[in-house]
Protein backbone atom coordinates (compact mmCIF):
# COMPACT_ATOMS: atom_id res chain seq x y z
CA UNK A 1 -21.82 -37.91 -23.09
CA UNK A 2 -22.77 -34.52 -21.70
CA UNK A 3 -20.26 -32.67 -19.53
CA UNK A 4 -21.62 -30.22 -17.00
CA UNK A 5 -19.41 -27.78 -15.13
CA UNK A 6 -20.87 -26.34 -11.95
CA UNK A 7 -19.16 -23.85 -9.69
CA UNK A 8 -19.75 -23.15 -6.03
CA UNK A 9 -19.87 -19.79 -4.32
CA UNK A 10 -16.45 -20.53 -2.79
CA UNK A 11 -14.95 -21.10 -6.23
CA UNK A 12 -16.49 -17.91 -7.60
CA UNK A 13 -15.13 -15.89 -4.66
CA UNK A 14 -11.66 -17.37 -5.10
CA UNK A 15 -11.75 -16.72 -8.85
CA UNK A 16 -12.69 -13.07 -8.29
CA UNK A 17 -9.51 -12.57 -6.24
CA UNK A 18 -7.20 -13.77 -9.03
CA UNK A 19 -5.46 -11.63 -11.60
CA UNK A 20 -6.96 -11.59 -15.09
CA UNK A 21 -4.15 -13.87 -16.35
CA UNK A 22 -4.68 -16.36 -13.51
CA UNK A 23 -8.45 -16.38 -14.13
CA UNK A 24 -7.96 -17.02 -17.83
CA UNK A 25 -5.46 -19.82 -17.17
CA UNK A 26 -7.72 -21.50 -14.59
CA UNK A 27 -10.78 -21.34 -16.84
CA UNK A 28 -8.80 -22.63 -19.82
CA UNK A 29 -7.46 -25.64 -17.84
CA UNK A 30 -10.94 -26.50 -16.58
CA UNK A 31 -12.46 -26.17 -20.06
CA UNK A 32 -9.68 -28.33 -21.53
CA UNK A 33 -10.49 -31.12 -19.06
CA UNK A 34 -14.21 -30.84 -19.65
CA UNK A 35 -13.90 -30.91 -23.43
CA UNK A 36 -11.46 -33.86 -23.42
CA UNK A 37 -13.45 -35.99 -20.98
CA UNK A 38 -15.91 -37.64 -23.41
CA UNK A 39 -13.15 -38.93 -25.72
CA UNK A 40 -10.02 -39.00 -23.55
CA UNK A 41 -11.25 -39.74 -20.04
CA UNK A 42 -8.04 -41.55 -18.99
CA UNK A 43 -5.94 -38.54 -20.04
CA UNK A 44 -8.11 -36.22 -17.97
CA UNK A 45 -7.79 -38.44 -14.89
CA UNK A 46 -3.99 -38.42 -15.36
CA UNK A 47 -4.10 -34.61 -15.03
CA UNK A 48 -6.02 -34.85 -11.77
CA UNK A 49 -4.71 -35.87 -8.38
CA UNK A 50 -7.18 -37.65 -6.11
CA UNK A 51 -7.29 -36.16 -2.67
CA UNK A 52 -7.35 -38.63 0.19
CA UNK A 53 -10.44 -38.91 2.33
CA UNK A 54 -10.24 -37.85 5.91
CA UNK A 55 -9.13 -40.77 8.07
CA UNK A 56 -12.49 -41.16 9.84
CA UNK A 57 -14.31 -42.01 6.60
CA UNK A 58 -12.88 -45.49 6.22
CA UNK A 59 -14.20 -47.54 3.36
CA UNK A 60 -15.29 -44.64 1.18
CA UNK A 61 -13.58 -43.29 -1.90
CA UNK A 62 -13.41 -39.56 -2.47
CA UNK A 63 -14.46 -37.98 -5.73
CA UNK A 64 -12.42 -34.89 -4.83
CA UNK A 65 -9.44 -34.05 -6.99
CA UNK A 66 -7.01 -31.25 -7.57
CA UNK A 67 -6.18 -29.87 -10.97
CA UNK A 68 -2.84 -28.13 -11.36
CA UNK A 69 -3.54 -24.81 -13.06
CA UNK A 70 -0.03 -23.39 -12.74
CA UNK A 71 2.97 -23.73 -10.49
CA UNK A 72 1.11 -21.70 -7.85
CA UNK A 73 -2.60 -22.46 -8.41
CA UNK A 74 -4.75 -25.53 -7.83
CA UNK A 75 -8.47 -26.15 -8.38
CA UNK A 76 -10.32 -28.41 -5.96
CA UNK A 77 -13.09 -30.18 -7.83
CA UNK A 78 -15.28 -33.26 -7.82
CA UNK A 79 -15.80 -35.49 -10.83
CA UNK A 80 -19.06 -37.41 -10.76
CA UNK A 81 -19.79 -39.77 -13.62
CA UNK A 82 -23.46 -40.57 -14.11
CA UNK A 83 -23.81 -43.41 -16.62
CA UNK A 84 -27.60 -43.53 -16.24
CA UNK A 85 -28.00 -40.03 -17.64
CA UNK A 86 -24.87 -40.23 -19.81
CA UNK A 87 -23.19 -37.26 -18.21
CA UNK A 88 -20.27 -36.24 -16.08
CA UNK A 89 -20.41 -33.35 -13.65
CA UNK A 90 -17.36 -31.33 -12.73
CA UNK A 91 -18.13 -29.41 -9.53
CA UNK A 92 -15.62 -26.64 -8.86
CA UNK A 93 -15.20 -25.97 -5.15
CA UNK A 94 -12.13 -23.78 -4.75
CA UNK A 95 -9.20 -22.31 -6.67
CA UNK A 96 -6.34 -21.69 -4.27
CA UNK A 97 -2.63 -21.09 -4.02
CA UNK A 98 -0.69 -24.32 -3.66
CA UNK A 99 0.35 -23.34 -0.10
CA UNK A 100 -3.33 -23.05 0.92
CA UNK A 101 -4.42 -26.34 -0.65
CA UNK A 102 -4.46 -28.51 2.48
CA UNK A 103 -6.51 -26.04 4.49
CA UNK A 104 -8.97 -25.45 1.63
CA UNK A 105 -9.30 -29.18 0.96
CA UNK A 106 -10.02 -29.90 4.62
CA UNK A 107 -12.81 -27.31 4.60
CA UNK A 108 -14.36 -28.69 1.40
CA UNK A 109 -14.11 -32.30 2.58
CA UNK A 110 -15.62 -31.53 5.97
CA UNK A 111 -18.56 -29.69 4.43
CA UNK A 112 -19.16 -32.41 1.82
CA UNK A 113 -18.83 -35.36 4.14
CA UNK A 114 -20.30 -33.93 7.35
CA UNK A 115 -23.41 -36.12 7.12
CA UNK A 116 -21.19 -39.17 6.73
CA UNK A 117 -19.07 -38.03 9.68
CA UNK A 118 -22.19 -37.46 11.78
CA UNK A 119 -23.50 -40.96 10.93
CA UNK A 120 -20.13 -42.54 11.83
CA UNK A 121 -20.08 -40.70 15.17
CA UNK A 122 -23.61 -41.89 16.01
CA UNK A 123 -22.67 -45.48 15.17
CA UNK A 124 -19.54 -45.20 17.32
CA UNK A 125 -21.61 -43.96 20.29
CA UNK A 126 -24.16 -46.79 20.20
CA UNK A 127 -23.30 -49.17 23.09
């Protein structure tokens, strides 16, 4: 199984603001998860905390998770398993202080699921 790690512009900007030690720790934690995934998938999922979907997206399951980097830092990421191509993709969205997690998550979720939200609003407006 191939493991791909992709980072977004938001993640890169957040990473640039961290100290060298924080950067190294974050990258090491992400790499640890990525390297363990093919052989110890259950252990990797135990390290991740699934973030709940926004309430207006009933019936869908989020692929957004947080990874605890340190007492203060969290990474918001998506884990997408693709059995057809035999790969898993870790998409890194943000790395934030724990106190900023809810706000950052809301922004990521809204941008990811805005098409779904738009579709649900159109359905709700149909008489």
